[in-house]
Amino acid sequence: MSKVIFHAPGAEYLMPYLHRIFPAKGDIQLFEDVAAGATPQAHTAVMISSASAPAAESAAKAAEDVSGKLTQGGTPKAASATPGKLTKAEQAFVDECTRAGLRYFILRAAPIVCTGMQGEVRRLAEDIYRGRFFHLPGNEARMSVVHATDIAAATRHLLESDLPSAVYNITDGDDPTVRELAEALAYRMNDKRISTASTKPQQWLLRMLYGSERLARYTVDTVYSSAPLMATGFVPTPVCTYLRTHVYDHDSL
C-alpha cells in the first residue's frame, strides 16, 4: 500500500484509526515533519479540517483552485478578506503541499464520533451520561456526523485514486436527527434512558438550563453535503448504525 502524509491538527485521536488502515511502520509521515524540512516520503498529503470552516458553509460548498486556491469541484469562489483560523490552516497546508510538489486532499469533517473524540458529539455524549440531555417533543433537528473509521477509509480511498488535489466535506451521508444520534450514543452507555421534556413547564426549565447556545446546538439543523466525495465512489457508514451494530472488544476502536 502507498504511503501518505497526514495532517490532523487538534485531532490526534484519529491516529489509531489511521494506523489500522496503514499498519506498516513508515506508512504514515506527519505533515508537521515535512513542513519542518523533512523529505516527503509520499506523493499525497491529506489534511483533516472541519466542515465548519467558513468556505464549507457556503451554499456552493466550493473552495478555490490548486494554483494557490482551494478546490472542491465547484465554481471558484474568492477567498474571504478575513479568513478564519481553519481557513488559514488549510491555506498553509495547500501552500506547503504546492511548494513540495505534493498532491493534496483536505477532508472537512462533520463532528467526529470515535474513542477519544472532542467537539460537538463529545459534548452531547457528556450531557447524556450526566443526565443533562432531554428530548424535546417535535424536535427534528439533524446533525451531520462522521465516524473516525470513515475518515481513515476515505484517506485510503483518496490516496489510491487518480483524483486531482481537492477539498471535500466528509459526513456519514445519513445526517441523523439529534434524537437518533442521542439514542445511539445512549445505547453504547448500557442503553441509558433519555427522558423527554414533555410538559410546558419542563420545556421552559430546560430552555433556562440549556441557554440559547446549547439549545440551538440541539434544535437547529447543522448539515453539510458530502455528495462530491461520495460521487468519487466513497461509501460511508451511517454513524448510528455503527454505534448500534459494531462489536466493541479489547482490540476494537
C-alpha atoms as a PDB file:
ATOM      1  CA  MET A   1       0.000   0.000   0.000  1.00  0.00           C
ATOM      2  CA  SER A   2       1.172   3.520  -0.759  1.00  0.00           C
ATOM      3  CA  LYS A   3       2.368   5.852   1.944  1.00  0.00           C
ATOM      4  CA  VAL A   4       0.554   9.012   2.984  1.00  0.00           C
ATOM      5  CA  ILE A   5       1.491  12.319   4.569  1.00  0.00           C
ATOM      6  CA  PHE A   6      -1.148  13.011   7.211  1.00  0.00           C
ATOM      7  CA  HIS A   7      -2.175  16.197   8.989  1.00  0.00           C
ATOM      8  CA  ALA A   8      -4.873  16.321  11.685  1.00  0.00           C
ATOM      9  CA  PRO A   9      -4.250  19.396  13.850  1.00  0.00           C
ATOM     10  CA  GLY A  10      -6.140  19.067  17.121  1.00  0.00           C
ATOM     11  CA  ALA A  11      -7.452  15.618  16.199  1.00  0.00           C
ATOM     12  CA  GLU A  12      -4.564  13.373  17.165  1.00  0.00           C
ATOM     13  CA  TYR A  13      -7.128  10.864  18.484  1.00  0.00           C
ATOM     14  CA  LEU A  14      -7.583   9.858  14.837  1.00  0.00           C
ATOM     15  CA  MET A  15      -4.130   8.285  14.634  1.00  0.00           C
ATOM     16  CA  PRO A  16      -5.119   4.795  15.918  1.00  0.00           C
ATOM     17  CA  TYR A  17      -7.716   4.633  13.139  1.00  0.00           C
ATOM     18  CA  LEU A  18      -5.127   5.646  10.550  1.00  0.00           C
ATOM     19  CA  HIS A  19      -2.630   3.091  11.848  1.00  0.00           C
ATOM     20  CA  ARG A  20      -5.232   0.349  11.441  1.00  0.00           C
ATOM     21  CA  ILE A  21      -5.579   1.262   7.751  1.00  0.00           C
ATOM     22  CA  PHE A  22      -1.840   1.933   7.302  1.00  0.00           C
ATOM     23  CA  PRO A  23      -0.274  -0.651   9.637  1.00  0.00           C
ATOM     24  CA  ALA A  24       3.312  -0.793   8.391  1.00  0.00           C
ATOM     25  CA  LYS A  25       5.980   1.339  10.000  1.00  0.00           C
ATOM     26  CA  GLY A  26       6.638   4.338   7.811  1.00  0.00           C
ATOM     27  CA  ASP A  27       3.253   4.187   6.019  1.00  0.00           C
ATOM     28  CA  ILE A  28       2.278   7.476   7.660  1.00  0.00           C
ATOM     29  CA  GLN A  29       4.501  10.545   7.635  1.00  0.00           C
ATOM     30  CA  LEU A  30       3.358  13.540   9.655  1.00  0.00           C
ATOM     31  CA  PHE A  31       2.857  16.714   7.692  1.00  0.00           C
ATOM     32  CA  GLU A  32       4.471  18.683  10.508  1.00  0.00           C
ATOM     33  CA  ASP A  33       7.763  16.925   9.767  1.00  0.00           C
ATOM     34  CA  VAL A  34       7.557  17.812   6.078  1.00  0.00           C
ATOM     35  CA  ALA A  35       6.738  21.427   6.917  1.00  0.00           C
ATOM     36  CA  ALA A  36       9.778  21.449   9.198  1.00  0.00           C
ATOM     37  CA  GLY A  37      12.035  20.407   6.336  1.00  0.00           C
ATOM     38  CA  ALA A  38      11.888  16.596   6.243  1.00  0.00           C
ATOM     39  CA  THR A  39      11.982  14.997   2.792  1.00  0.00           C
ATOM     40  CA  PRO A  40       8.471  13.870   1.789  1.00  0.00           C
ATOM     41  CA  GLN A  41       8.185  10.083   1.845  1.00  0.00           C
ATOM     42  CA  ALA A  42       4.893  10.064  -0.075  1.00  0.00           C
ATOM     43  CA  HIS A  43       3.320  11.816  -3.038  1.00  0.00           C
ATOM     44  CA  THR A  44      -0.031  12.614  -1.408  1.00  0.00           C
ATOM     45  CA  ALA A  45      -0.902  14.577   1.708  1.00  0.00           C
ATOM     46  CA  VAL A  46      -4.259  14.502   3.494  1.00  0.00           C
ATOM     47  CA  MET A  47      -5.433  17.115   5.985  1.00  0.00           C
ATOM     48  CA  ILE A  48      -8.397  16.697   8.325  1.00  0.00           C
ATOM     49  CA  SER A  49     -10.141  20.017   8.792  1.00  0.00           C
ATOM     50  CA  SER A  50     -13.667  20.863   9.909  1.00  0.00           C
ATOM     51  CA  ALA A  51     -16.862  21.255   7.948  1.00  0.00           C
ATOM     52  CA  SER A  52     -17.401  24.391   9.980  1.00  0.00           C
ATOM     53  CA  ALA A  53     -14.599  26.107   8.079  1.00  0.00           C
ATOM     54  CA  PRO A  54     -16.052  29.273   6.527  1.00  0.00           C
ATOM     55  CA  ALA A  55     -15.692  28.086   2.946  1.00  0.00           C
ATOM     56  CA  ALA A  56     -17.537  24.871   3.758  1.00  0.00           C
ATOM     57  CA  GLU A  57     -20.543  26.807   4.992  1.00  0.00           C
ATOM     58  CA  SER A  58     -21.184  28.471   1.651  1.00  0.00           C
ATOM     59  CA  ALA A  59     -24.183  27.332  -0.347  1.00  0.00           C
ATOM     60  CA  ALA A  60     -21.965  26.013  -3.115  1.00  0.00           C
ATOM     61  CA  LYS A  61     -19.617  24.198  -0.711  1.00  0.00           C
ATOM     62  CA  ALA A  62     -16.856  25.396  -3.043  1.00  0.00           C
ATOM     63  CA  ALA A  63     -13.275  26.393  -2.397  1.00  0.00           C
ATOM     64  CA  GLU A  64     -10.549  27.788  -4.563  1.00  0.00           C
ATOM     65  CA  ASP A  65      -8.388  26.081  -7.202  1.00  0.00           C
ATOM     66  CA  VAL A  66      -4.978  24.480  -6.903  1.00  0.00           C
ATOM     67  CA  SER A  67      -2.905  27.421  -8.039  1.00  0.00           C
ATOM     68  CA  GLY A  68      -2.835  28.739  -4.510  1.00  0.00           C
ATOM     69  CA  LYS A  69      -6.576  28.425  -4.092  1.00  0.00           C
ATOM     70  CA  LEU A  70      -8.693  25.582  -2.665  1.00  0.00           C
ATOM     71  CA  THR A  71     -10.972  23.381  -4.810  1.00  0.00           C
ATOM     72  CA  GLN A  72     -13.966  21.158  -4.270  1.00  0.00           C
ATOM     73  CA  GLY A  73     -15.209  20.532  -7.739  1.00  0.00           C
ATOM     74  CA  GLY A  74     -17.453  23.587  -7.722  1.00  0.00           C
ATOM     75  CA  THR A  75     -17.405  27.075  -9.151  1.00  0.00           C
ATOM     76  CA  PRO A  76     -14.313  29.019  -7.986  1.00  0.00           C
ATOM     77  CA  LYS A  77     -15.041  31.319  -5.094  1.00  0.00           C
ATOM     78  CA  ALA A  78     -12.984  34.266  -3.931  1.00  0.00           C
ATOM     79  CA  ALA A  79     -11.215  33.942  -0.607  1.00  0.00           C
ATOM     80  CA  SER A  80     -12.659  35.749   2.384  1.00  0.00           C
ATOM     81  CA  ALA A  81     -10.988  39.055   3.180  1.00  0.00           C
ATOM     82  CA  THR A  82     -10.733  37.948   6.809  1.00  0.00           C
ATOM     83  CA  PRO A  83     -10.264  34.169   6.737  1.00  0.00           C
ATOM     84  CA  GLY A  84     -10.859  32.282   9.955  1.00  0.00           C
ATOM     85  CA  LYS A  85      -8.361  30.121  11.804  1.00  0.00           C
ATOM     86  CA  LEU A  86      -9.442  26.954   9.985  1.00  0.00           C
ATOM     87  CA  THR A  87      -9.216  28.586   6.580  1.00  0.00           C
ATOM     88  CA  LYS A  88      -5.738  29.929   7.373  1.00  0.00           C
ATOM     89  CA  ALA A  89      -4.607  26.460   8.458  1.00  0.00           C
ATOM     90  CA  GLU A  90      -5.965  24.972   5.253  1.00  0.00           C
ATOM     91  CA  GLN A  91      -4.238  27.584   3.129  1.00  0.00           C
ATOM     92  CA  ALA A  92      -0.936  26.983   4.924  1.00  0.00           C
ATOM     93  CA  PHE A  93      -1.324  23.272   4.181  1.00  0.00           C
ATOM     94  CA  VAL A  94      -2.035  23.946   0.499  1.00  0.00           C
ATOM     95  CA  ASP A  95       0.902  26.343   0.239  1.00  0.00           C
ATOM     96  CA  GLU A  96       3.323  23.797   1.727  1.00  0.00           C
ATOM     97  CA  CYS A  97       1.992  20.976  -0.455  1.00  0.00           C
ATOM     98  CA  THR A  98       2.330  23.152  -3.539  1.00  0.00           C
ATOM     99  CA  ARG A  99       5.885  24.062  -2.550  1.00  0.00           C
ATOM    100  CA  ALA A 100       6.765  20.388  -2.052  1.00  0.00           C
ATOM    101  CA  GLY A 101       5.055  19.241  -5.248  1.00  0.00           C
ATOM    102  CA  LEU A 102       2.519  17.069  -3.408  1.00  0.00           C
ATOM    103  CA  ARG A 103      -0.967  16.106  -4.423  1.00  0.00           C
ATOM    104  CA  TYR A 104      -3.240  17.026  -1.537  1.00  0.00           C
ATOM    105  CA  PHE A 105      -6.707  16.472  -0.182  1.00  0.00           C
ATOM    106  CA  ILE A 106      -8.489  18.316   2.590  1.00  0.00           C
ATOM    107  CA  LEU A 107     -11.283  16.411   4.300  1.00  0.00           C
ATOM    108  CA  ARG A 108     -13.596  18.839   6.069  1.00  0.00           C
ATOM    109  CA  ALA A 109     -15.119  16.558   8.644  1.00  0.00           C
ATOM    110  CA  ALA A 110     -18.523  16.832  10.226  1.00  0.00           C
ATOM    111  CA  PRO A 111     -18.368  16.357  14.021  1.00  0.00           C
ATOM    112  CA  ILE A 112     -16.364  13.179  14.554  1.00  0.00           C
ATOM    113  CA  VAL A 113     -17.546  10.151  16.524  1.00  0.00           C
ATOM    114  CA  CYS A 114     -14.894   7.840  17.975  1.00  0.00           C
ATOM    115  CA  THR A 115     -12.957   6.853  21.064  1.00  0.00           C
ATOM    116  CA  GLY A 116     -11.306   9.974  22.470  1.00  0.00           C
ATOM    117  CA  MET A 117     -13.442  12.302  20.360  1.00  0.00           C
ATOM    118  CA  GLN A 118     -13.665  16.014  21.034  1.00  0.00           C
ATOM    119  CA  GLY A 119     -16.180  18.627  19.963  1.00  0.00           C
ATOM    120  CA  GLU A 120     -19.930  18.579  19.440  1.00  0.00           C
ATOM    121  CA  VAL A 121     -20.612  14.857  19.765  1.00  0.00           C
ATOM    122  CA  ARG A 122     -18.471  14.577  22.881  1.00  0.00           C
ATOM    123  CA  ARG A 123     -20.475  17.388  24.458  1.00  0.00           C
ATOM    124  CA  LEU A 124     -23.697  15.603  23.558  1.00  0.00           C
ATOM    125  CA  ALA A 125     -22.371  12.323  24.970  1.00  0.00           C
ATOM    126  CA  GLU A 126     -21.331  14.027  28.203  1.00  0.00           C
ATOM    127  CA  ASP A 127     -24.778  15.617  28.564  1.00  0.00           C
ATOM    128  CA  ILE A 128     -26.404  12.204  28.052  1.00  0.00           C
ATOM    129  CA  TYR A 129     -24.066  10.476  30.510  1.00  0.00           C
ATOM    130  CA  ARG A 130     -24.672  13.104  33.182  1.00  0.00           C
ATOM    131  CA  GLY A 131     -28.434  13.111  32.678  1.00  0.00           C
ATOM    132  CA  ARG A 132     -28.480  16.660  31.319  1.00  0.00           C
ATOM    133  CA  PHE A 133     -29.846  15.846  27.876  1.00  0.00           C
ATOM    134  CA  PHE A 134     -33.584  15.621  27.306  1.00  0.00           C
ATOM    135  CA  HIS A 135     -35.590  15.023  24.174  1.00  0.00           C
ATOM    136  CA  LEU A 136     -37.873  17.845  23.108  1.00  0.00           C
ATOM    137  CA  PRO A 137     -41.199  16.847  21.517  1.00  0.00           C
ATOM    138  CA  GLY A 138     -41.262  17.577  17.813  1.00  0.00           C
ATOM    139  CA  ASN A 139     -37.539  18.252  17.598  1.00  0.00           C
ATOM    140  CA  GLU A 140     -36.474  17.020  14.170  1.00  0.00           C
ATOM    141  CA  ALA A 141     -33.149  18.867  14.012  1.00  0.00           C
ATOM    142  CA  ARG A 142     -30.487  16.986  12.093  1.00  0.00           C
ATOM    143  CA  MET A 143     -26.760  16.884  12.721  1.00  0.00           C
ATOM    144  CA  SER A 144     -24.149  15.758  10.209  1.00  0.00           C
ATOM    145  CA  VAL A 145     -21.587  13.448  11.802  1.00  0.00           C
ATOM    146  CA  VAL A 146     -18.880  11.031  10.678  1.00  0.00           C
ATOM    147  CA  HIS A 147     -17.101   8.128  12.347  1.00  0.00           C
ATOM    148  CA  ALA A 148     -13.322   8.110  12.534  1.00  0.00           C
ATOM    149  CA  THR A 149     -13.223   4.756  10.742  1.00  0.00           C
ATOM    150  CA  ASP A 150     -14.646   6.508   7.677  1.00  0.00           C
ATOM    151  CA  ILE A 151     -12.047   9.260   7.875  1.00  0.00           C
ATOM    152  CA  ALA A 152      -9.323   6.616   7.758  1.00  0.00           C
ATOM    153  CA  ALA A 153     -11.117   4.758   4.959  1.00  0.00           C
ATOM    154  CA  ALA A 154     -11.585   7.961   2.953  1.00  0.00           C
ATOM    155  CA  THR A 155      -7.883   8.738   3.350  1.00  0.00           C
ATOM    156  CA  ARG A 156      -7.015   5.390   1.778  1.00  0.00           C
ATOM    157  CA  HIS A 157      -9.701   5.810  -0.885  1.00  0.00           C
ATOM    158  CA  LEU A 158      -8.320   9.170  -1.994  1.00  0.00           C
ATOM    159  CA  LEU A 159      -4.708   8.032  -1.781  1.00  0.00           C
ATOM    160  CA  GLU A 160      -5.403   5.094  -4.084  1.00  0.00           C
ATOM    161  CA  SER A 161      -7.423   7.178  -6.543  1.00  0.00           C
ATOM    162  CA  ASP A 162      -6.188   9.150  -9.523  1.00  0.00           C
ATOM    163  CA  LEU A 163      -8.168  12.202  -8.444  1.00  0.00           C
ATOM    164  CA  PRO A 164      -6.537  15.639  -8.550  1.00  0.00           C
ATOM    165  CA  SER A 165      -5.965  17.737  -5.451  1.00  0.00           C
ATOM    166  CA  ALA A 166      -9.288  18.780  -3.936  1.00  0.00           C
ATOM    167  CA  VAL A 167     -11.275  19.655  -0.833  1.00  0.00           C
ATOM    168  CA  TYR A 168     -14.214  17.517   0.264  1.00  0.00           C
ATOM    169  CA  ASN A 169     -16.689  17.534   3.088  1.00  0.00           C
ATOM    170  CA  ILE A 170     -16.944  14.154   4.775  1.00  0.00           C
ATOM    171  CA  THR A 171     -20.062  13.029   6.646  1.00  0.00           C
ATOM    172  CA  ASP A 172     -21.774   9.705   7.207  1.00  0.00           C
ATOM    173  CA  GLY A 173     -24.182  10.556   4.399  1.00  0.00           C
ATOM    174  CA  ASP A 174     -27.131   9.997   6.728  1.00  0.00           C
ATOM    175  CA  ASP A 175     -27.401  13.192   8.797  1.00  0.00           C
ATOM    176  CA  PRO A 176     -29.283  11.642  11.738  1.00  0.00           C
ATOM    177  CA  THR A 177     -31.681  13.608  13.857  1.00  0.00           C
ATOM    178  CA  VAL A 178     -30.307  14.723  17.206  1.00  0.00           C
ATOM    179  CA  ARG A 179     -32.783  12.303  18.787  1.00  0.00           C
ATOM    180  CA  GLU A 180     -31.467   9.371  16.719  1.00  0.00           C
ATOM    181  CA  LEU A 181     -27.851  10.246  17.460  1.00  0.00           C
ATOM    182  CA  ALA A 182     -28.525  10.696  21.166  1.00  0.00           C
ATOM    183  CA  GLU A 183     -30.299   7.339  21.394  1.00  0.00           C
ATOM    184  CA  ALA A 184     -27.458   5.595  19.539  1.00  0.00           C
ATOM    185  CA  LEU A 185     -24.914   7.120  21.935  1.00  0.00           C
ATOM    186  CA  ALA A 186     -27.080   6.155  24.906  1.00  0.00           C
ATOM    187  CA  TYR A 187     -27.195   2.593  23.558  1.00  0.00           C
ATOM    188  CA  ARG A 188     -23.409   2.437  23.930  1.00  0.00           C
ATOM    189  CA  MET A 189     -23.834   3.605  27.559  1.00  0.00           C
ATOM    190  CA  ASN A 190     -25.558   0.374  28.605  1.00  0.00           C
ATOM    191  CA  ASP A 191     -28.745   1.571  26.904  1.00  0.00           C
ATOM    192  CA  LYS A 192     -29.062   4.595  29.158  1.00  0.00           C
ATOM    193  CA  ARG A 193     -32.581   6.013  29.246  1.00  0.00           C
ATOM    194  CA  ILE A 194     -33.130   9.542  27.938  1.00  0.00           C
ATOM    195  CA  SER A 195     -36.174  11.335  29.288  1.00  0.00           C
ATOM    196  CA  THR A 196     -38.430  13.676  27.320  1.00  0.00           C
ATOM    197  CA  ALA A 197     -39.318  17.170  28.479  1.00  0.00           C
ATOM    198  CA  SER A 198     -42.972  16.636  27.626  1.00  0.00           C
ATOM    199  CA  THR A 199     -44.733  19.392  29.570  1.00  0.00           C
ATOM    200  CA  LYS A 200     -44.599  23.143  29.043  1.00  0.00           C
ATOM    201  CA  PRO A 201     -43.026  23.811  32.489  1.00  0.00           C
ATOM    202  CA  GLN A 202     -40.359  21.137  31.815  1.00  0.00           C
ATOM    203  CA  GLN A 203     -39.579  22.666  28.431  1.00  0.00           C
ATOM    204  CA  TRP A 204     -39.364  26.158  29.928  1.00  0.00           C
ATOM    205  CA  LEU A 205     -36.987  24.923  32.629  1.00  0.00           C
ATOM    206  CA  LEU A 206     -34.895  23.048  30.063  1.00  0.00           C
ATOM    207  CA  ARG A 207     -34.530  26.200  27.982  1.00  0.00           C
ATOM    208  CA  MET A 208     -33.391  28.092  31.057  1.00  0.00           C
ATOM    209  CA  LEU A 209     -30.866  25.368  31.974  1.00  0.00           C
ATOM    210  CA  TYR A 210     -29.525  24.960  28.439  1.00  0.00           C
ATOM    211  CA  GLY A 211     -29.148  28.596  27.491  1.00  0.00           C
ATOM    212  CA  SER A 212     -29.510  29.786  23.920  1.00  0.00           C
ATOM    213  CA  GLU A 213     -26.226  28.330  22.627  1.00  0.00           C
ATOM    214  CA  ARG A 214     -26.779  24.767  23.840  1.00  0.00           C
ATOM    215  CA  LEU A 215     -30.455  24.864  22.901  1.00  0.00           C
ATOM    216  CA  ALA A 216     -29.546  25.877  19.346  1.00  0.00           C
ATOM    217  CA  ARG A 217     -26.942  23.120  19.213  1.00  0.00           C
ATOM    218  CA  TYR A 218     -29.660  20.531  19.803  1.00  0.00           C
ATOM    219  CA  THR A 219     -32.599  22.078  17.951  1.00  0.00           C
ATOM    220  CA  VAL A 220     -31.156  23.701  14.797  1.00  0.00           C
ATOM    221  CA  ASP A 221     -30.049  21.712  11.739  1.00  0.00           C
ATOM    222  CA  THR A 222     -26.269  21.520  11.274  1.00  0.00           C
ATOM    223  CA  VAL A 223     -25.977  19.666   7.996  1.00  0.00           C
ATOM    224  CA  TYR A 224     -23.195  19.512   5.406  1.00  0.00           C
ATOM    225  CA  SER A 225     -23.176  17.892   1.984  1.00  0.00           C
ATOM    226  CA  SER A 226     -20.659  15.146   1.281  1.00  0.00           C
ATOM    227  CA  ALA A 227     -22.114  14.417  -2.163  1.00  0.00           C
ATOM    228  CA  PRO A 228     -18.900  15.368  -4.045  1.00  0.00           C
ATOM    229  CA  LEU A 229     -16.839  12.871  -2.034  1.00  0.00           C
ATOM    230  CA  MET A 230     -19.461  10.133  -2.397  1.00  0.00           C
ATOM    231  CA  ALA A 231     -19.528  10.812  -6.149  1.00  0.00           C
ATOM    232  CA  THR A 232     -15.908   9.602  -6.268  1.00  0.00           C
ATOM    233  CA  GLY A 233     -17.102   6.158  -5.144  1.00  0.00           C
ATOM    234  CA  PHE A 234     -16.590   6.514  -1.404  1.00  0.00           C
ATOM    235  CA  VAL A 235     -19.381   4.875   0.611  1.00  0.00           C
ATOM    236  CA  PRO A 236     -19.574   5.910   4.292  1.00  0.00           C
ATOM    237  CA  THR A 237     -21.243   4.028   7.125  1.00  0.00           C
ATOM    238  CA  PRO A 238     -24.117   5.733   8.984  1.00  0.00           C
ATOM    239  CA  VAL A 239     -22.852   6.579  12.462  1.00  0.00           C
ATOM    240  CA  CYS A 240     -25.995   5.427  14.256  1.00  0.00           C
ATOM    241  CA  THR A 241     -25.787   2.053  12.504  1.00  0.00           C
ATOM    242  CA  TYR A 242     -22.138   1.741  13.501  1.00  0.00           C
ATOM    243  CA  LEU A 243     -22.854   2.577  17.146  1.00  0.00           C
ATOM    244  CA  ARG A 244     -25.692   0.078  17.353  1.00  0.00           C
ATOM    245  CA  THR A 245     -24.062  -2.822  15.491  1.00  0.00           C
ATOM    246  CA  HIS A 246     -20.294  -2.611  15.944  1.00  0.00           C
ATOM    247  CA  VAL A 247     -18.903  -5.230  18.309  1.00  0.00           C
ATOM    248  CA  TYR A 248     -16.581  -3.479  20.746  1.00  0.00           C
ATOM    249  CA  ASP A 249     -13.882  -5.626  22.317  1.00  0.00           C
ATOM    250  CA  HIS A 250     -10.350  -5.119  23.695  1.00  0.00           C
ATOM    251  CA  ASP A 251      -8.974  -4.796  20.154  1.00  0.00           C
ATOM    252  CA  SER A 252     -11.741  -2.551  18.881  1.00  0.00           C
ATOM    253  CA  LEU A 253     -11.832   1.169  18.166  1.00  0.00           C
END
